[in-house]
């Protein structure tokens, strides 16, 4: 989006900032939903632990629910890291191009 040879004008800077804000919003939503899914999976898994109401079903389905918790954890971690990267990139861009101009 930016013309590398010349200094970017205000329209290009505004377009990039808008695009970055859209990415941040996108990854915020994904991070929230994936984190919520992970917490639900952990909650379901905890019902199968010793002393809990449905521990007798551990051998049948409990261990499979535990195995499905791991991908949910990795997906939540990925989404949060992408959010952090998008926010970090946005802060660096703002510091570089908008600190002295506005």
C-alpha atoms as a PDB file:
ATOM      1  CA  UNK A   1       0.000   0.000   0.000  1.00  0.00           C
ATOM      2  CA  UNK A   2       2.814   2.399   0.718  1.00  0.00           C
ATOM      3  CA  UNK A   3       5.048   3.812  -1.989  1.00  0.00           C
ATOM      4  CA  UNK A   4       8.518   2.900  -0.731  1.00  0.00           C
ATOM      5  CA  UNK A   5      10.439   5.442  -2.834  1.00  0.00           C
ATOM      6  CA  UNK A   6       8.617   8.515  -1.544  1.00  0.00           C
ATOM      7  CA  UNK A   7       7.343   9.511   1.832  1.00  0.00           C
ATOM      8  CA  UNK A   8       3.733   8.407   2.235  1.00  0.00           C
ATOM      9  CA  UNK A   9       1.076  11.089   2.126  1.00  0.00           C
ATOM     10  CA  UNK A  10      -1.741  11.486   4.624  1.00  0.00           C
ATOM     11  CA  UNK A  11      -4.197   9.410   2.566  1.00  0.00           C
ATOM     12  CA  UNK A  12      -1.839   6.435   2.426  1.00  0.00           C
ATOM     13  CA  UNK A  13      -1.140   6.674   6.139  1.00  0.00           C
ATOM     14  CA  UNK A  14      -4.874   6.849   6.910  1.00  0.00           C
ATOM     15  CA  UNK A  15      -5.547   3.839   4.652  1.00  0.00           C
ATOM     16  CA  UNK A  16      -2.858   1.756   6.347  1.00  0.00           C
ATOM     17  CA  UNK A  17      -4.045   2.759   9.819  1.00  0.00           C
ATOM     18  CA  UNK A  18      -7.618   1.827   8.891  1.00  0.00           C
ATOM     19  CA  UNK A  19      -6.477  -1.534   7.556  1.00  0.00           C
ATOM     20  CA  UNK A  20      -4.470  -2.201  10.696  1.00  0.00           C
ATOM     21  CA  UNK A  21      -7.408  -1.300  12.943  1.00  0.00           C
ATOM     22  CA  UNK A  22      -9.539  -3.745  10.962  1.00  0.00           C
ATOM     23  CA  UNK A  23      -6.947  -6.490  11.527  1.00  0.00           C
ATOM     24  CA  UNK A  24      -6.835  -5.732  15.237  1.00  0.00           C
ATOM     25  CA  UNK A  25     -10.635  -5.919  15.474  1.00  0.00           C
ATOM     26  CA  UNK A  26     -10.645  -9.193  13.542  1.00  0.00           C
ATOM     27  CA  UNK A  27      -8.072 -10.840  15.808  1.00  0.00           C
ATOM     28  CA  UNK A  28      -9.758  -9.465  18.942  1.00  0.00           C
ATOM     29  CA  UNK A  29     -12.962 -11.242  17.983  1.00  0.00           C
ATOM     30  CA  UNK A  30     -11.139 -14.441  17.120  1.00  0.00           C
ATOM     31  CA  UNK A  31      -9.117 -14.309  20.347  1.00  0.00           C
ATOM     32  CA  UNK A  32     -12.248 -13.842  22.422  1.00  0.00           C
ATOM     33  CA  UNK A  33     -14.133 -16.677  20.724  1.00  0.00           C
ATOM     34  CA  UNK A  34     -11.206 -19.089  20.765  1.00  0.00           C
ATOM     35  CA  UNK A  35     -10.476 -18.300  24.418  1.00  0.00           C
ATOM     36  CA  UNK A  36     -14.110 -18.874  25.301  1.00  0.00           C
ATOM     37  CA  UNK A  37     -14.076 -22.181  23.423  1.00  0.00           C
ATOM     38  CA  UNK A  38     -10.938 -23.235  25.283  1.00  0.00           C
ATOM     39  CA  UNK A  39     -12.496 -22.389  28.642  1.00  0.00           C
ATOM     40  CA  UNK A  40     -15.627 -24.385  27.780  1.00  0.00           C
ATOM     41  CA  UNK A  41     -13.485 -27.358  26.773  1.00  0.00           C
ATOM     42  CA  UNK A  42     -11.537 -27.166  30.047  1.00  0.00           C
ATOM     43  CA  UNK A  43     -14.830 -26.961  31.932  1.00  0.00           C
ATOM     44  CA  UNK A  44     -16.140 -30.052  30.147  1.00  0.00           C
ATOM     45  CA  UNK A  45     -12.934 -31.936  30.827  1.00  0.00           C
ATOM     46  CA  UNK A  46     -13.052 -31.064  34.525  1.00  0.00           C
ATOM     47  CA  UNK A  47     -16.408 -32.831  34.840  1.00  0.00           C
ATOM     48  CA  UNK A  48     -14.654 -36.137  34.130  1.00  0.00           C
ATOM     49  CA  UNK A  49     -11.934 -35.777  36.783  1.00  0.00           C
ATOM     50  CA  UNK A  50     -11.861 -37.973  39.884  1.00  0.00           C
ATOM     51  CA  UNK A  51     -14.543 -37.022  42.376  1.00  0.00           C
ATOM     52  CA  UNK A  52     -16.689 -35.244  39.795  1.00  0.00           C
ATOM     53  CA  UNK A  53     -20.205 -36.349  38.788  1.00  0.00           C
ATOM     54  CA  UNK A  54     -19.417 -38.159  35.536  1.00  0.00           C
ATOM     55  CA  UNK A  55     -16.000 -39.626  36.310  1.00  0.00           C
ATOM     56  CA  UNK A  56     -17.322 -43.095  35.500  1.00  0.00           C
ATOM     57  CA  UNK A  57     -17.510 -42.091  31.815  1.00  0.00           C
ATOM     58  CA  UNK A  58     -13.806 -41.171  31.632  1.00  0.00           C
ATOM     59  CA  UNK A  59     -12.788 -44.307  29.743  1.00  0.00           C
ATOM     60  CA  UNK A  60     -15.642 -43.951  27.273  1.00  0.00           C
ATOM     61  CA  UNK A  61     -15.614 -40.312  26.221  1.00  0.00           C
ATOM     62  CA  UNK A  62     -13.687 -38.270  28.778  1.00  0.00           C
ATOM     63  CA  UNK A  63     -10.255 -38.868  27.344  1.00  0.00           C
ATOM     64  CA  UNK A  64     -11.444 -37.846  23.870  1.00  0.00           C
ATOM     65  CA  UNK A  65     -12.779 -34.574  25.226  1.00  0.00           C
ATOM     66  CA  UNK A  66      -9.376 -34.047  26.840  1.00  0.00           C
ATOM     67  CA  UNK A  67      -7.701 -34.632  23.469  1.00  0.00           C
ATOM     68  CA  UNK A  68      -9.978 -32.056  21.846  1.00  0.00           C
ATOM     69  CA  UNK A  69      -8.939 -29.504  24.479  1.00  0.00           C
ATOM     70  CA  UNK A  70      -5.371 -29.359  23.149  1.00  0.00           C
ATOM     71  CA  UNK A  71      -6.252 -28.028  19.668  1.00  0.00           C
ATOM     72  CA  UNK A  72      -8.540 -25.458  21.303  1.00  0.00           C
ATOM     73  CA  UNK A  73      -5.620 -24.334  23.467  1.00  0.00           C
ATOM     74  CA  UNK A  74      -3.274 -24.026  20.487  1.00  0.00           C
ATOM     75  CA  UNK A  75      -5.892 -22.154  18.429  1.00  0.00           C
ATOM     76  CA  UNK A  76      -6.489 -19.698  21.297  1.00  0.00           C
ATOM     77  CA  UNK A  77      -2.740 -19.171  21.673  1.00  0.00           C
ATOM     78  CA  UNK A  78      -2.357 -18.595  17.923  1.00  0.00           C
ATOM     79  CA  UNK A  79      -5.169 -16.029  17.868  1.00  0.00           C
ATOM     80  CA  UNK A  80      -3.781 -14.128  20.844  1.00  0.00           C
ATOM     81  CA  UNK A  81      -0.306 -14.064  19.298  1.00  0.00           C
ATOM     82  CA  UNK A  82      -1.726 -12.758  16.003  1.00  0.00           C
ATOM     83  CA  UNK A  83      -3.590 -10.051  17.950  1.00  0.00           C
ATOM     84  CA  UNK A  84      -0.395  -9.102  19.742  1.00  0.00           C
ATOM     85  CA  UNK A  85       1.487  -8.957  16.429  1.00  0.00           C
ATOM     86  CA  UNK A  86      -1.171  -6.814  14.760  1.00  0.00           C
ATOM     87  CA  UNK A  87      -1.254  -4.422  17.726  1.00  0.00           C
ATOM     88  CA  UNK A  88       2.530  -4.236  17.865  1.00  0.00           C
ATOM     89  CA  UNK A  89       2.748  -3.484  14.153  1.00  0.00           C
ATOM     90  CA  UNK A  90       0.068  -0.809  14.508  1.00  0.00           C
ATOM     91  CA  UNK A  91       1.931   0.896  17.361  1.00  0.00           C
ATOM     92  CA  UNK A  92       5.220   0.892  15.440  1.00  0.00           C
ATOM     93  CA  UNK A  93       3.577   2.313  12.335  1.00  0.00           C
ATOM     94  CA  UNK A  94       1.851   5.054  14.318  1.00  0.00           C
ATOM     95  CA  UNK A  95       5.101   5.930  16.081  1.00  0.00           C
ATOM     96  CA  UNK A  96       6.987   6.110  12.790  1.00  0.00           C
ATOM     97  CA  UNK A  97       4.526   8.052  10.629  1.00  0.00           C
ATOM     98  CA  UNK A  98       2.178  10.044  12.833  1.00  0.00           C
ATOM     99  CA  UNK A  99       4.285  11.297  15.754  1.00  0.00           C
ATOM    100  CA  UNK A 100       5.541  14.526  14.200  1.00  0.00           C
ATOM    101  CA  UNK A 101       3.044  15.131  11.445  1.00  0.00           C
ATOM    102  CA  UNK A 102      -0.182  15.646  13.399  1.00  0.00           C
END
